[in-house]
Amino acid sequence: MLKDLINIACIFVILVLWSDGGNPLVSKPDTVAVVYESSDDIPAAYVTGALNKLTADGLQARIFDKDVVTGGGEVPSQIKDAITAANDNGLPALVVLSNGKVISVQDLPKTEQQIVEAVQ
């Protein structure tokens, strides 16, 4: 009897976790970063346009050089993982994060719409 009750409770918890329409193990994006090498080029205007759209949708958006550091000469902790992922991928890169953790990284898409789609 107790075992059956525990099984039912576990199933209920699983259903509640999945009821929001997604896998609870897959994080929802909250930040989008474009990482580039400023000595090569700066991101085109369409990148800013895409990030503005994503910001309007409630995401944080950032564009920064791969060598950005604080006044103390250190890489800011909140973007360190994004820079590492972008460098590993190749620059320029689009990095999507959730709670500071990288959930995807790819070459910077060539259009505004492709950037928006890559984040969704």
PDB file of N, CA and C in Angstrom:
ATOM      1  N   MET A   1       0.823  -1.196   0.000  1.00  0.00           N
ATOM      2  CA  MET A   1       0.000   0.000   0.000  1.00  0.00           C
ATOM      3  C   MET A   1       0.870   1.263   0.000  1.00  0.00           C
ATOM      4  N   LEU A   2       1.855   1.336   0.897  1.00  0.00           N
ATOM      5  CA  LEU A   2       2.735   2.498   0.960  1.00  0.00           C
ATOM      6  C   LEU A   2       3.564   2.615  -0.322  1.00  0.00           C
ATOM      7  N   LYS A   3       3.998   1.486  -0.849  1.00  0.00           N
ATOM      8  CA  LYS A   3       4.776   1.495  -2.088  1.00  0.00           C
ATOM      9  C   LYS A   3       3.935   2.049  -3.235  1.00  0.00           C
ATOM     10  N   ASP A   4       2.679   1.651  -3.318  1.00  0.00           N
ATOM     11  CA  ASP A   4       1.791   2.160  -4.360  1.00  0.00           C
ATOM     12  C   ASP A   4       1.579   3.668  -4.220  1.00  0.00           C
ATOM     13  N   LEU A   5       1.442   4.140  -2.995  1.00  0.00           N
ATOM     14  CA  LEU A   5       1.252   5.563  -2.746  1.00  0.00           C
ATOM     15  C   LEU A   5       2.493   6.363  -3.159  1.00  0.00           C
ATOM     16  N   ILE A   6       3.661   5.838  -2.855  1.00  0.00           N
ATOM     17  CA  ILE A   6       4.910   6.497  -3.241  1.00  0.00           C
ATOM     18  C   ILE A   6       5.041   6.518  -4.760  1.00  0.00           C
ATOM     19  N   ASN A   7       4.714   5.438  -5.421  1.00  0.00           N
ATOM     20  CA  ASN A   7       4.773   5.393  -6.890  1.00  0.00           C
ATOM     21  C   ASN A   7       3.833   6.425  -7.508  1.00  0.00           C
ATOM     22  N   ILE A   8       2.635   6.523  -6.975  1.00  0.00           N
ATOM     23  CA  ILE A   8       1.669   7.498  -7.493  1.00  0.00           C
ATOM     24  C   ILE A   8       2.185   8.917  -7.273  1.00  0.00           C
ATOM     25  N   ALA A   9       2.745   9.162  -6.098  1.00  0.00           N
ATOM     26  CA  ALA A   9       3.282  10.486  -5.809  1.00  0.00           C
ATOM     27  C   ALA A   9       4.418  10.833  -6.762  1.00  0.00           C
ATOM     28  N   CYS A  10       5.294   9.887  -7.055  1.00  0.00           N
ATOM     29  CA  CYS A  10       6.403  10.123  -7.980  1.00  0.00           C
ATOM     30  C   CYS A  10       5.891  10.433  -9.385  1.00  0.00           C
ATOM     31  N   ILE A  11       4.907   9.685  -9.819  1.00  0.00           N
ATOM     32  CA  ILE A  11       4.327   9.929 -11.140  1.00  0.00           C
ATOM     33  C   ILE A  11       3.697  11.315 -11.184  1.00  0.00           C
ATOM     34  N   PHE A  12       3.018  11.700 -10.122  1.00  0.00           N
ATOM     35  CA  PHE A  12       2.399  13.011 -10.054  1.00  0.00           C
ATOM     36  C   PHE A  12       3.455  14.118 -10.158  1.00  0.00           C
ATOM     37  N   VAL A  13       4.543  13.969  -9.432  1.00  0.00           N
ATOM     38  CA  VAL A  13       5.616  14.972  -9.464  1.00  0.00           C
ATOM     39  C   VAL A  13       6.202  15.073 -10.869  1.00  0.00           C
ATOM     40  N   ILE A  14       6.424  13.960 -11.506  1.00  0.00           N
ATOM     41  CA  ILE A  14       6.960  13.965 -12.869  1.00  0.00           C
ATOM     42  C   ILE A  14       6.003  14.671 -13.822  1.00  0.00           C
ATOM     43  N   LEU A  15       4.722  14.389 -13.698  1.00  0.00           N
ATOM     44  CA  LEU A  15       3.737  15.035 -14.566  1.00  0.00           C
ATOM     45  C   LEU A  15       3.692  16.540 -14.330  1.00  0.00           C
ATOM     46  N   VAL A  16       3.806  16.966 -13.095  1.00  0.00           N
ATOM     47  CA  VAL A  16       3.814  18.397 -12.801  1.00  0.00           C
ATOM     48  C   VAL A  16       5.041  19.055 -13.418  1.00  0.00           C
ATOM     49  N   LEU A  17       6.197  18.417 -13.293  1.00  0.00           N
ATOM     50  CA  LEU A  17       7.417  18.984 -13.863  1.00  0.00           C
ATOM     51  C   LEU A  17       7.334  19.104 -15.383  1.00  0.00           C
ATOM     52  N   TRP A  18       6.695  18.160 -16.011  1.00  0.00           N
ATOM     53  CA  TRP A  18       6.593  18.167 -17.468  1.00  0.00           C
ATOM     54  C   TRP A  18       5.413  18.979 -17.968  1.00  0.00           C
ATOM     55  N   SER A  19       4.508  19.382 -17.104  1.00  0.00           N
ATOM     56  CA  SER A  19       3.281  20.045 -17.532  1.00  0.00           C
ATOM     57  C   SER A  19       3.508  21.445 -18.076  1.00  0.00           C
ATOM     58  N   ASP A  20       4.662  22.046 -17.837  1.00  0.00           N
ATOM     59  CA  ASP A  20       4.914  23.386 -18.366  1.00  0.00           C
ATOM     60  C   ASP A  20       5.235  23.359 -19.853  1.00  0.00           C
ATOM     61  N   GLY A  21       5.143  22.201 -20.474  1.00  0.00           N
ATOM     62  CA  GLY A  21       5.322  22.090 -21.910  1.00  0.00           C
ATOM     63  C   GLY A  21       6.744  21.792 -22.348  1.00  0.00           C
ATOM     64  N   GLY A  22       7.627  21.573 -21.417  1.00  0.00           N
ATOM     65  CA  GLY A  22       9.006  21.312 -21.805  1.00  0.00           C
ATOM     66  C   GLY A  22       9.677  20.348 -20.867  1.00  0.00           C
ATOM     67  N   ASN A  23      10.828  19.957 -21.244  1.00  0.00           N
ATOM     68  CA  ASN A  23      11.632  19.058 -20.441  1.00  0.00           C
ATOM     69  C   ASN A  23      12.275  19.847 -19.310  1.00  0.00           C
ATOM     70  N   PRO A  24      12.076  19.446 -18.057  1.00  0.00           N
ATOM     71  CA  PRO A  24      12.664  20.208 -16.957  1.00  0.00           C
ATOM     72  C   PRO A  24      14.191  20.153 -16.952  1.00  0.00           C
ATOM     73  N   LEU A  25      14.770  19.255 -17.719  1.00  0.00           N
ATOM     74  CA  LEU A  25      16.217  19.149 -17.765  1.00  0.00           C
ATOM     75  C   LEU A  25      16.835  20.091 -18.798  1.00  0.00           C
ATOM     76  N   VAL A  26      15.983  20.651 -19.675  1.00  0.00           N
ATOM     77  CA  VAL A  26      16.456  21.582 -20.688  1.00  0.00           C
ATOM     78  C   VAL A  26      16.160  22.992 -20.201  1.00  0.00           C
ATOM     79  N   SER A  27      17.180  23.786 -20.054  1.00  0.00           N
ATOM     80  CA  SER A  27      17.036  25.128 -19.517  1.00  0.00           C
ATOM     81  C   SER A  27      16.473  26.080 -20.550  1.00  0.00           C
ATOM     82  N   LYS A  28      15.680  27.024 -20.067  1.00  0.00           N
ATOM     83  CA  LYS A  28      15.119  28.058 -20.927  1.00  0.00           C
ATOM     84  C   LYS A  28      16.141  29.190 -21.043  1.00  0.00           C
ATOM     85  N   PRO A  29      16.406  29.666 -22.260  1.00  0.00           N
ATOM     86  CA  PRO A  29      17.378  30.738 -22.434  1.00  0.00           C
ATOM     87  C   PRO A  29      16.963  32.006 -21.693  1.00  0.00           C
ATOM     88  N   ASP A  30      17.941  32.694 -21.092  1.00  0.00           N
ATOM     89  CA  ASP A  30      17.661  33.988 -20.486  1.00  0.00           C
ATOM     90  C   ASP A  30      18.657  35.062 -20.935  1.00  0.00           C
ATOM     91  N   THR A  31      19.756  34.633 -21.573  1.00  0.00           N
ATOM     92  CA  THR A  31      20.778  35.575 -22.028  1.00  0.00           C
ATOM     93  C   THR A  31      21.323  35.139 -23.382  1.00  0.00           C
ATOM     94  N   VAL A  32      21.549  36.119 -24.238  1.00  0.00           N
ATOM     95  CA  VAL A  32      22.139  35.873 -25.554  1.00  0.00           C
ATOM     96  C   VAL A  32      23.385  36.742 -25.658  1.00  0.00           C
ATOM     97  N   ALA A  33      24.490  36.139 -26.056  1.00  0.00           N
ATOM     98  CA  ALA A  33      25.741  36.879 -26.183  1.00  0.00           C
ATOM     99  C   ALA A  33      26.323  36.693 -27.577  1.00  0.00           C
ATOM    100  N   VAL A  34      26.806  37.777 -28.125  1.00  0.00           N
ATOM    101  CA  VAL A  34      27.567  37.729 -29.367  1.00  0.00           C
ATOM    102  C   VAL A  34      29.003  38.066 -28.982  1.00  0.00           C
ATOM    103  N   VAL A  35      29.881  37.114 -29.217  1.00  0.00           N
ATOM    104  CA  VAL A  35      31.286  37.286 -28.872  1.00  0.00           C
ATOM    105  C   VAL A  35      32.075  37.383 -30.178  1.00  0.00           C
ATOM    106  N   TYR A  36      32.943  38.393 -30.247  1.00  0.00           N
ATOM    107  CA  TYR A  36      33.693  38.625 -31.484  1.00  0.00           C
ATOM    108  C   TYR A  36      35.106  39.082 -31.157  1.00  0.00           C
ATOM    109  N   GLU A  37      35.923  39.188 -32.172  1.00  0.00           N
ATOM    110  CA  GLU A  37      37.285  39.704 -32.047  1.00  0.00           C
ATOM    111  C   GLU A  37      37.288  41.098 -32.659  1.00  0.00           C
ATOM    112  N   SER A  38      37.435  42.118 -31.828  1.00  0.00           N
ATOM    113  CA  SER A  38      37.315  43.495 -32.299  1.00  0.00           C
ATOM    114  C   SER A  38      38.408  43.890 -33.291  1.00  0.00           C
ATOM    115  N   SER A  39      39.538  43.236 -33.261  1.00  0.00           N
ATOM    116  CA  SER A  39      40.585  43.582 -34.224  1.00  0.00           C
ATOM    117  C   SER A  39      40.260  43.053 -35.621  1.00  0.00           C
ATOM    118  N   ASP A  40      39.319  42.094 -35.714  1.00  0.00           N
ATOM    119  CA  ASP A  40      38.912  41.564 -37.015  1.00  0.00           C
ATOM    120  C   ASP A  40      37.803  42.406 -37.633  1.00  0.00           C
ATOM    121  N   ASP A  41      36.783  42.702 -36.845  1.00  0.00           N
ATOM    122  CA  ASP A  41      35.612  43.404 -37.352  1.00  0.00           C
ATOM    123  C   ASP A  41      34.643  43.603 -36.199  1.00  0.00           C
ATOM    124  N   ILE A  42      33.676  44.471 -36.387  1.00  0.00           N
ATOM    125  CA  ILE A  42      32.610  44.606 -35.397  1.00  0.00           C
ATOM    126  C   ILE A  42      31.342  43.984 -35.986  1.00  0.00           C
ATOM    127  N   PRO A  43      30.440  43.492 -35.155  1.00  0.00           N
ATOM    128  CA  PRO A  43      29.213  42.884 -35.683  1.00  0.00           C
ATOM    129  C   PRO A  43      28.394  43.891 -36.502  1.00  0.00           C
ATOM    130  N   ALA A  44      27.779  43.400 -37.544  1.00  0.00           N
ATOM    131  CA  ALA A  44      26.968  44.225 -38.438  1.00  0.00           C
ATOM    132  C   ALA A  44      25.699  44.710 -37.736  1.00  0.00           C
ATOM    133  N   ALA A  45      25.044  45.680 -38.334  1.00  0.00           N
ATOM    134  CA  ALA A  45      23.843  46.286 -37.747  1.00  0.00           C
ATOM    135  C   ALA A  45      22.716  45.272 -37.527  1.00  0.00           C
ATOM    136  N   TYR A  46      22.600  44.257 -38.376  1.00  0.00           N
ATOM    137  CA  TYR A  46      21.531  43.278 -38.208  1.00  0.00           C
ATOM    138  C   TYR A  46      21.654  42.535 -36.877  1.00  0.00           C
ATOM    139  N   VAL A  47      22.889  42.416 -36.362  1.00  0.00           N
ATOM    140  CA  VAL A  47      23.093  41.739 -35.077  1.00  0.00           C
ATOM    141  C   VAL A  47      22.435  42.549 -33.965  1.00  0.00           C
ATOM    142  N   THR A  48      22.661  43.844 -33.970  1.00  0.00           N
ATOM    143  CA  THR A  48      22.036  44.714 -32.973  1.00  0.00           C
ATOM    144  C   THR A  48      20.520  44.665 -33.101  1.00  0.00           C
ATOM    145  N   GLY A  49      20.019  44.655 -34.323  1.00  0.00           N
ATOM    146  CA  GLY A  49      18.572  44.554 -34.539  1.00  0.00           C
ATOM    147  C   GLY A  49      17.995  43.283 -33.948  1.00  0.00           C
ATOM    148  N   ALA A  50      18.669  42.167 -34.162  1.00  0.00           N
ATOM    149  CA  ALA A  50      18.196  40.882 -33.617  1.00  0.00           C
ATOM    150  C   ALA A  50      18.235  40.898 -32.094  1.00  0.00           C
ATOM    151  N   LEU A  51      19.316  41.420 -31.531  1.00  0.00           N
ATOM    152  CA  LEU A  51      19.424  41.456 -30.069  1.00  0.00           C
ATOM    153  C   LEU A  51      18.380  42.386 -29.463  1.00  0.00           C
ATOM    154  N   ASN A  52      18.044  43.475 -30.164  1.00  0.00           N
ATOM    155  CA  ASN A  52      16.969  44.350 -29.688  1.00  0.00           C
ATOM    156  C   ASN A  52      15.632  43.620 -29.656  1.00  0.00           C
ATOM    157  N   LYS A  53      15.354  42.810 -30.671  1.00  0.00           N
ATOM    158  CA  LYS A  53      14.118  42.015 -30.688  1.00  0.00           C
ATOM    159  C   LYS A  53      14.103  41.019 -29.532  1.00  0.00           C
ATOM    160  N   LEU A  54      15.232  40.371 -29.296  1.00  0.00           N
ATOM    161  CA  LEU A  54      15.303  39.384 -28.216  1.00  0.00           C
ATOM    162  C   LEU A  54      15.167  40.057 -26.853  1.00  0.00           C
ATOM    163  N   THR A  55      15.726  41.250 -26.722  1.00  0.00           N
ATOM    164  CA  THR A  55      15.580  42.002 -25.477  1.00  0.00           C
ATOM    165  C   THR A  55      14.113  42.375 -25.255  1.00  0.00           C
ATOM    166  N   ALA A  56      13.432  42.754 -26.321  1.00  0.00           N
ATOM    167  CA  ALA A  56      12.000  43.077 -26.218  1.00  0.00           C
ATOM    168  C   ALA A  56      11.188  41.852 -25.785  1.00  0.00           C
ATOM    169  N   ASP A  57      11.703  40.665 -26.081  1.00  0.00           N
ATOM    170  CA  ASP A  57      11.040  39.420 -25.675  1.00  0.00           C
ATOM    171  C   ASP A  57      11.418  39.006 -24.253  1.00  0.00           C
ATOM    172  N   GLY A  58      12.223  39.824 -23.570  1.00  0.00           N
ATOM    173  CA  GLY A  58      12.554  39.550 -22.175  1.00  0.00           C
ATOM    174  C   GLY A  58      13.911  38.925 -21.915  1.00  0.00           C
ATOM    175  N   LEU A  59      14.701  38.748 -22.958  1.00  0.00           N
ATOM    176  CA  LEU A  59      16.034  38.177 -22.766  1.00  0.00           C
ATOM    177  C   LEU A  59      17.061  39.283 -22.539  1.00  0.00           C
ATOM    178  N   GLN A  60      18.131  38.946 -21.869  1.00  0.00           N
ATOM    179  CA  GLN A  60      19.273  39.849 -21.780  1.00  0.00           C
ATOM    180  C   GLN A  60      20.123  39.615 -23.026  1.00  0.00           C
ATOM    181  N   ALA A  61      20.688  40.680 -23.551  1.00  0.00           N
ATOM    182  CA  ALA A  61      21.521  40.541 -24.749  1.00  0.00           C
ATOM    183  C   ALA A  61      22.796  41.338 -24.566  1.00  0.00           C
ATOM    184  N   ARG A  62      23.896  40.747 -25.006  1.00  0.00           N
ATOM    185  CA  ARG A  62      25.201  41.384 -24.872  1.00  0.00           C
ATOM    186  C   ARG A  62      26.036  41.136 -26.113  1.00  0.00           C
ATOM    187  N   ILE A  63      26.818  42.133 -26.453  1.00  0.00           N
ATOM    188  CA  ILE A  63      27.821  42.010 -27.515  1.00  0.00           C
ATOM    189  C   ILE A  63      29.139  42.413 -26.876  1.00  0.00           C
ATOM    190  N   PHE A  64      30.146  41.552 -26.989  1.00  0.00           N
ATOM    191  CA  PHE A  64      31.426  41.917 -26.397  1.00  0.00           C
ATOM    192  C   PHE A  64      32.590  41.216 -27.079  1.00  0.00           C
ATOM    193  N   ASP A  65      33.732  41.859 -26.948  1.00  0.00           N
ATOM    194  CA  ASP A  65      34.984  41.336 -27.480  1.00  0.00           C
ATOM    195  C   ASP A  65      35.444  40.152 -26.633  1.00  0.00           C
ATOM    196  N   LYS A  66      36.121  39.230 -27.245  1.00  0.00           N
ATOM    197  CA  LYS A  66      36.587  38.034 -26.544  1.00  0.00           C
ATOM    198  C   LYS A  66      37.628  38.342 -25.477  1.00  0.00           C
ATOM    199  N   ASP A  67      38.223  39.520 -25.540  1.00  0.00           N
ATOM    200  CA  ASP A  67      39.273  39.884 -24.597  1.00  0.00           C
ATOM    201  C   ASP A  67      38.810  40.867 -23.519  1.00  0.00           C
ATOM    202  N   VAL A  68      37.496  40.997 -23.312  1.00  0.00           N
ATOM    203  CA  VAL A  68      36.983  41.947 -22.325  1.00  0.00           C
ATOM    204  C   VAL A  68      37.434  41.535 -20.915  1.00  0.00           C
ATOM    205  N   VAL A  69      37.860  42.530 -20.128  1.00  0.00           N
ATOM    206  CA  VAL A  69      38.291  42.283 -18.757  1.00  0.00           C
ATOM    207  C   VAL A  69      37.785  43.399 -17.853  1.00  0.00           C
ATOM    208  N   THR A  70      37.777  43.129 -16.575  1.00  0.00           N
ATOM    209  CA  THR A  70      37.403  44.129 -15.579  1.00  0.00           C
ATOM    210  C   THR A  70      38.568  45.089 -15.361  1.00  0.00           C
ATOM    211  N   GLY A  71      38.345  46.101 -14.522  1.00  0.00           N
ATOM    212  CA  GLY A  71      39.418  47.022 -14.176  1.00  0.00           C
ATOM    213  C   GLY A  71      40.584  46.324 -13.499  1.00  0.00           C
ATOM    214  N   GLY A  72      40.296  45.164 -12.892  1.00  0.00           N
ATOM    215  CA  GLY A  72      41.345  44.382 -12.240  1.00  0.00           C
ATOM    216  C   GLY A  72      42.057  43.425 -13.181  1.00  0.00           C
ATOM    217  N   GLY A  73      41.685  43.478 -14.475  1.00  0.00           N
ATOM    218  CA  GLY A  73      42.350  42.627 -15.452  1.00  0.00           C
ATOM    219  C   GLY A  73      41.821  41.211 -15.546  1.00  0.00           C
ATOM    220  N   GLU A  74      40.650  40.955 -14.937  1.00  0.00           N
ATOM    221  CA  GLU A  74      40.072  39.615 -14.968  1.00  0.00           C
ATOM    222  C   GLU A  74      38.849  39.582 -15.880  1.00  0.00           C
ATOM    223  N   VAL A  75      38.581  38.408 -16.455  1.00  0.00           N
ATOM    224  CA  VAL A  75      37.376  38.221 -17.251  1.00  0.00           C
ATOM    225  C   VAL A  75      36.185  38.212 -16.285  1.00  0.00           C
ATOM    226  N   PRO A  76      35.156  39.018 -16.562  1.00  0.00           N
ATOM    227  CA  PRO A  76      33.987  39.028 -15.683  1.00  0.00           C
ATOM    228  C   PRO A  76      33.396  37.623 -15.541  1.00  0.00           C
ATOM    229  N   SER A  77      33.129  37.230 -14.322  1.00  0.00           N
ATOM    230  CA  SER A  77      32.679  35.856 -14.062  1.00  0.00           C
ATOM    231  C   SER A  77      31.384  35.510 -14.777  1.00  0.00           C
ATOM    232  N   GLN A  78      30.468  36.478 -14.934  1.00  0.00           N
ATOM    233  CA  GLN A  78      29.178  36.182 -15.546  1.00  0.00           C
ATOM    234  C   GLN A  78      29.261  35.925 -17.051  1.00  0.00           C
ATOM    235  N   ILE A  79      30.388  36.256 -17.686  1.00  0.00           N
ATOM    236  CA  ILE A  79      30.522  35.996 -19.126  1.00  0.00           C
ATOM    237  C   ILE A  79      31.689  35.074 -19.458  1.00  0.00           C
ATOM    238  N   LYS A  80      32.362  34.595 -18.456  1.00  0.00           N
ATOM    239  CA  LYS A  80      33.542  33.755 -18.673  1.00  0.00           C
ATOM    240  C   LYS A  80      33.208  32.494 -19.479  1.00  0.00           C
ATOM    241  N   ASP A  81      32.122  31.809 -19.109  1.00  0.00           N
ATOM    242  CA  ASP A  81      31.743  30.584 -19.824  1.00  0.00           C
ATOM    243  C   ASP A  81      31.360  30.884 -21.273  1.00  0.00           C
ATOM    244  N   ALA A  82      30.699  32.023 -21.497  1.00  0.00           N
ATOM    245  CA  ALA A  82      30.308  32.396 -22.859  1.00  0.00           C
ATOM    246  C   ALA A  82      31.547  32.634 -23.726  1.00  0.00           C
ATOM    247  N   ILE A  83      32.539  33.301 -23.173  1.00  0.00           N
ATOM    248  CA  ILE A  83      33.767  33.571 -23.926  1.00  0.00           C
ATOM    249  C   ILE A  83      34.510  32.276 -24.234  1.00  0.00           C
ATOM    250  N   THR A  84      34.591  31.401 -23.256  1.00  0.00           N
ATOM    251  CA  THR A  84      35.261  30.116 -23.473  1.00  0.00           C
ATOM    252  C   THR A  84      34.564  29.318 -24.572  1.00  0.00           C
ATOM    253  N   ALA A  85      33.234  29.235 -24.506  1.00  0.00           N
ATOM    254  CA  ALA A  85      32.476  28.492 -25.518  1.00  0.00           C
ATOM    255  C   ALA A  85      32.643  29.111 -26.894  1.00  0.00           C
ATOM    256  N   ALA A  86      32.608  30.439 -26.967  1.00  0.00           N
ATOM    257  CA  ALA A  86      32.760  31.125 -28.252  1.00  0.00           C
ATOM    258  C   ALA A  86      34.146  30.896 -28.845  1.00  0.00           C
ATOM    259  N   ASN A  87      35.167  30.994 -28.015  1.00  0.00           N
ATOM    260  CA  ASN A  87      36.528  30.741 -28.503  1.00  0.00           C
ATOM    261  C   ASN A  87      36.685  29.310 -28.987  1.00  0.00           C
ATOM    262  N   ASP A  88      36.093  28.357 -28.269  1.00  0.00           N
ATOM    263  CA  ASP A  88      36.154  26.950 -28.687  1.00  0.00           C
ATOM    264  C   ASP A  88      35.426  26.738 -30.003  1.00  0.00           C
ATOM    265  N   ASN A  89      34.331  27.477 -30.222  1.00  0.00           N
ATOM    266  CA  ASN A  89      33.538  27.357 -31.439  1.00  0.00           C
ATOM    267  C   ASN A  89      34.222  28.035 -32.617  1.00  0.00           C
ATOM    268  N   GLY A  90      34.833  29.178 -32.353  1.00  0.00           N
ATOM    269  CA  GLY A  90      35.356  30.042 -33.409  1.00  0.00           C
ATOM    270  C   GLY A  90      34.548  31.323 -33.425  1.00  0.00           C
ATOM    271  N   LEU A  91      35.200  32.421 -33.711  1.00  0.00           N
ATOM    272  CA  LEU A  91      34.558  33.733 -33.640  1.00  0.00           C
ATOM    273  C   LEU A  91      34.232  34.260 -35.024  1.00  0.00           C
ATOM    274  N   PRO A  92      33.218  35.091 -35.141  1.00  0.00           N
ATOM    275  CA  PRO A  92      32.264  35.486 -34.118  1.00  0.00           C
ATOM    276  C   PRO A  92      31.278  34.359 -33.825  1.00  0.00           C
ATOM    277  N   ALA A  93      30.744  34.376 -32.606  1.00  0.00           N
ATOM    278  CA  ALA A  93      29.849  33.304 -32.187  1.00  0.00           C
ATOM    279  C   ALA A  93      28.625  33.852 -31.480  1.00  0.00           C
ATOM    280  N   LEU A  94      27.551  33.104 -31.586  1.00  0.00           N
ATOM    281  CA  LEU A  94      26.320  33.378 -30.859  1.00  0.00           C
ATOM    282  C   LEU A  94      26.241  32.355 -29.736  1.00  0.00           C
ATOM    283  N   VAL A  95      26.172  32.848 -28.499  1.00  0.00           N
ATOM    284  CA  VAL A  95      26.132  31.973 -27.333  1.00  0.00           C
ATOM    285  C   VAL A  95      24.820  32.219 -26.597  1.00  0.00           C
ATOM    286  N   VAL A  96      24.107  31.144 -26.300  1.00  0.00           N
ATOM    287  CA  VAL A  96      22.847  31.231 -25.569  1.00  0.00           C
ATOM    288  C   VAL A  96      23.070  30.631 -24.190  1.00  0.00           C
ATOM    289  N   LEU A  97      22.641  31.372 -23.163  1.00  0.00           N
ATOM    290  CA  LEU A  97      22.863  30.940 -21.788  1.00  0.00           C
ATOM    291  C   LEU A  97      21.557  30.879 -21.003  1.00  0.00           C
ATOM    292  N   SER A  98      21.599  30.095 -19.954  1.00  0.00           N
ATOM    293  CA  SER A  98      20.509  30.026 -18.984  1.00  0.00           C
ATOM    294  C   SER A  98      21.141  29.998 -17.607  1.00  0.00           C
ATOM    295  N   ASN A  99      20.804  30.968 -16.797  1.00  0.00           N
ATOM    296  CA  ASN A  99      21.366  31.078 -15.449  1.00  0.00           C
ATOM    297  C   ASN A  99      22.893  31.035 -15.466  1.00  0.00           C
ATOM    298  N   GLY A 100      23.494  31.681 -16.455  1.00  0.00           N
ATOM    299  CA  GLY A 100      24.942  31.758 -16.544  1.00  0.00           C
ATOM    300  C   GLY A 100      25.625  30.552 -17.161  1.00  0.00           C
ATOM    301  N   LYS A 101      24.869  29.528 -17.503  1.00  0.00           N
ATOM    302  CA  LYS A 101      25.433  28.316 -18.101  1.00  0.00           C
ATOM    303  C   LYS A 101      25.139  28.279 -19.600  1.00  0.00           C
ATOM    304  N   VAL A 102      26.133  27.923 -20.373  1.00  0.00           N
ATOM    305  CA  VAL A 102      25.985  27.841 -21.828  1.00  0.00           C
ATOM    306  C   VAL A 102      25.076  26.672 -22.182  1.00  0.00           C
ATOM    307  N   ILE A 103      24.025  26.974 -22.970  1.00  0.00           N
ATOM    308  CA  ILE A 103      23.164  25.890 -23.448  1.00  0.00           C
ATOM    309  C   ILE A 103      23.316  25.654 -24.942  1.00  0.00           C
ATOM    310  N   SER A 104      23.879  26.658 -25.660  1.00  0.00           N
ATOM    311  CA  SER A 104      24.214  26.428 -27.069  1.00  0.00           C
ATOM    312  C   SER A 104      25.210  27.477 -27.531  1.00  0.00           C
ATOM    313  N   VAL A 105      25.980  27.100 -28.523  1.00  0.00           N
ATOM    314  CA  VAL A 105      26.946  28.013 -29.148  1.00  0.00           C
ATOM    315  C   VAL A 105      27.040  27.631 -30.616  1.00  0.00           C
ATOM    316  N   GLN A 106      27.139  28.640 -31.470  1.00  0.00           N
ATOM    317  CA  GLN A 106      27.250  28.395 -32.902  1.00  0.00           C
ATOM    318  C   GLN A 106      27.899  29.598 -33.567  1.00  0.00           C
ATOM    319  N   ASP A 107      28.299  29.399 -34.819  1.00  0.00           N
ATOM    320  CA  ASP A 107      28.802  30.522 -35.601  1.00  0.00           C
ATOM    321  C   ASP A 107      27.709  31.583 -35.656  1.00  0.00           C
ATOM    322  N   LEU A 108      28.102  32.842 -35.677  1.00  0.00           N
ATOM    323  CA  LEU A 108      27.126  33.926 -35.731  1.00  0.00           C
ATOM    324  C   LEU A 108      26.323  33.812 -37.020  1.00  0.00           C
ATOM    325  N   PRO A 109      24.994  33.672 -36.907  1.00  0.00           N
ATOM    326  CA  PRO A 109      24.165  33.584 -38.116  1.00  0.00           C
ATOM    327  C   PRO A 109      24.293  34.831 -38.988  1.00  0.00           C
ATOM    328  N   LYS A 110      23.931  34.686 -40.251  1.00  0.00           N
ATOM    329  CA  LYS A 110      24.139  35.734 -41.247  1.00  0.00           C
ATOM    330  C   LYS A 110      22.981  36.720 -41.382  1.00  0.00           C
ATOM    331  N   THR A 111      21.846  36.446 -40.697  1.00  0.00           N
ATOM    332  CA  THR A 111      20.708  37.363 -40.779  1.00  0.00           C
ATOM    333  C   THR A 111      20.081  37.560 -39.399  1.00  0.00           C
ATOM    334  N   GLU A 112      19.332  38.644 -39.297  1.00  0.00           N
ATOM    335  CA  GLU A 112      18.618  38.944 -38.055  1.00  0.00           C
ATOM    336  C   GLU A 112      17.658  37.805 -37.695  1.00  0.00           C
ATOM    337  N   GLN A 113      16.897  37.347 -38.668  1.00  0.00           N
ATOM    338  CA  GLN A 113      15.918  36.286 -38.422  1.00  0.00           C
ATOM    339  C   GLN A 113      16.599  34.987 -37.970  1.00  0.00           C
ATOM    340  N   GLN A 114      17.733  34.665 -38.546  1.00  0.00           N
ATOM    341  CA  GLN A 114      18.443  33.447 -38.146  1.00  0.00           C
ATOM    342  C   GLN A 114      18.919  33.528 -36.697  1.00  0.00           C
ATOM    343  N   ILE A 115      19.308  34.718 -36.261  1.00  0.00           N
ATOM    344  CA  ILE A 115      19.719  34.880 -34.861  1.00  0.00           C
ATOM    345  C   ILE A 115      18.526  34.647 -33.946  1.00  0.00           C
ATOM    346  N   VAL A 116      17.401  35.272 -34.254  1.00  0.00           N
ATOM    347  CA  VAL A 116      16.198  35.118 -33.429  1.00  0.00           C
ATOM    348  C   VAL A 116      15.775  33.660 -33.381  1.00  0.00           C
ATOM    349  N   GLU A 117      15.781  32.982 -34.514  1.00  0.00           N
ATOM    350  CA  GLU A 117      15.395  31.569 -34.561  1.00  0.00           C
ATOM    351  C   GLU A 117      16.362  30.687 -33.783  1.00  0.00           C
ATOM    352  N   ALA A 118      17.633  31.012 -33.811  1.00  0.00           N
ATOM    353  CA  ALA A 118      18.631  30.207 -33.118  1.00  0.00           C
ATOM    354  C   ALA A 118      18.432  30.240 -31.595  1.00  0.00           C
ATOM    355  N   VAL A 119      17.873  31.321 -31.115  1.00  0.00           N
ATOM    356  CA  VAL A 119      17.672  31.472 -29.675  1.00  0.00           C
ATOM    357  C   VAL A 119      16.380  30.805 -29.235  1.00  0.00           C
ATOM    358  N   GLN A 120      15.381  30.787 -30.081  1.00  0.00           N
ATOM    359  CA  GLN A 120      14.082  30.209 -29.711  1.00  0.00           C
ATOM    360  C   GLN A 120      14.089  28.757 -29.769  1.00  0.00           C
TER     361      GLN A 120
END
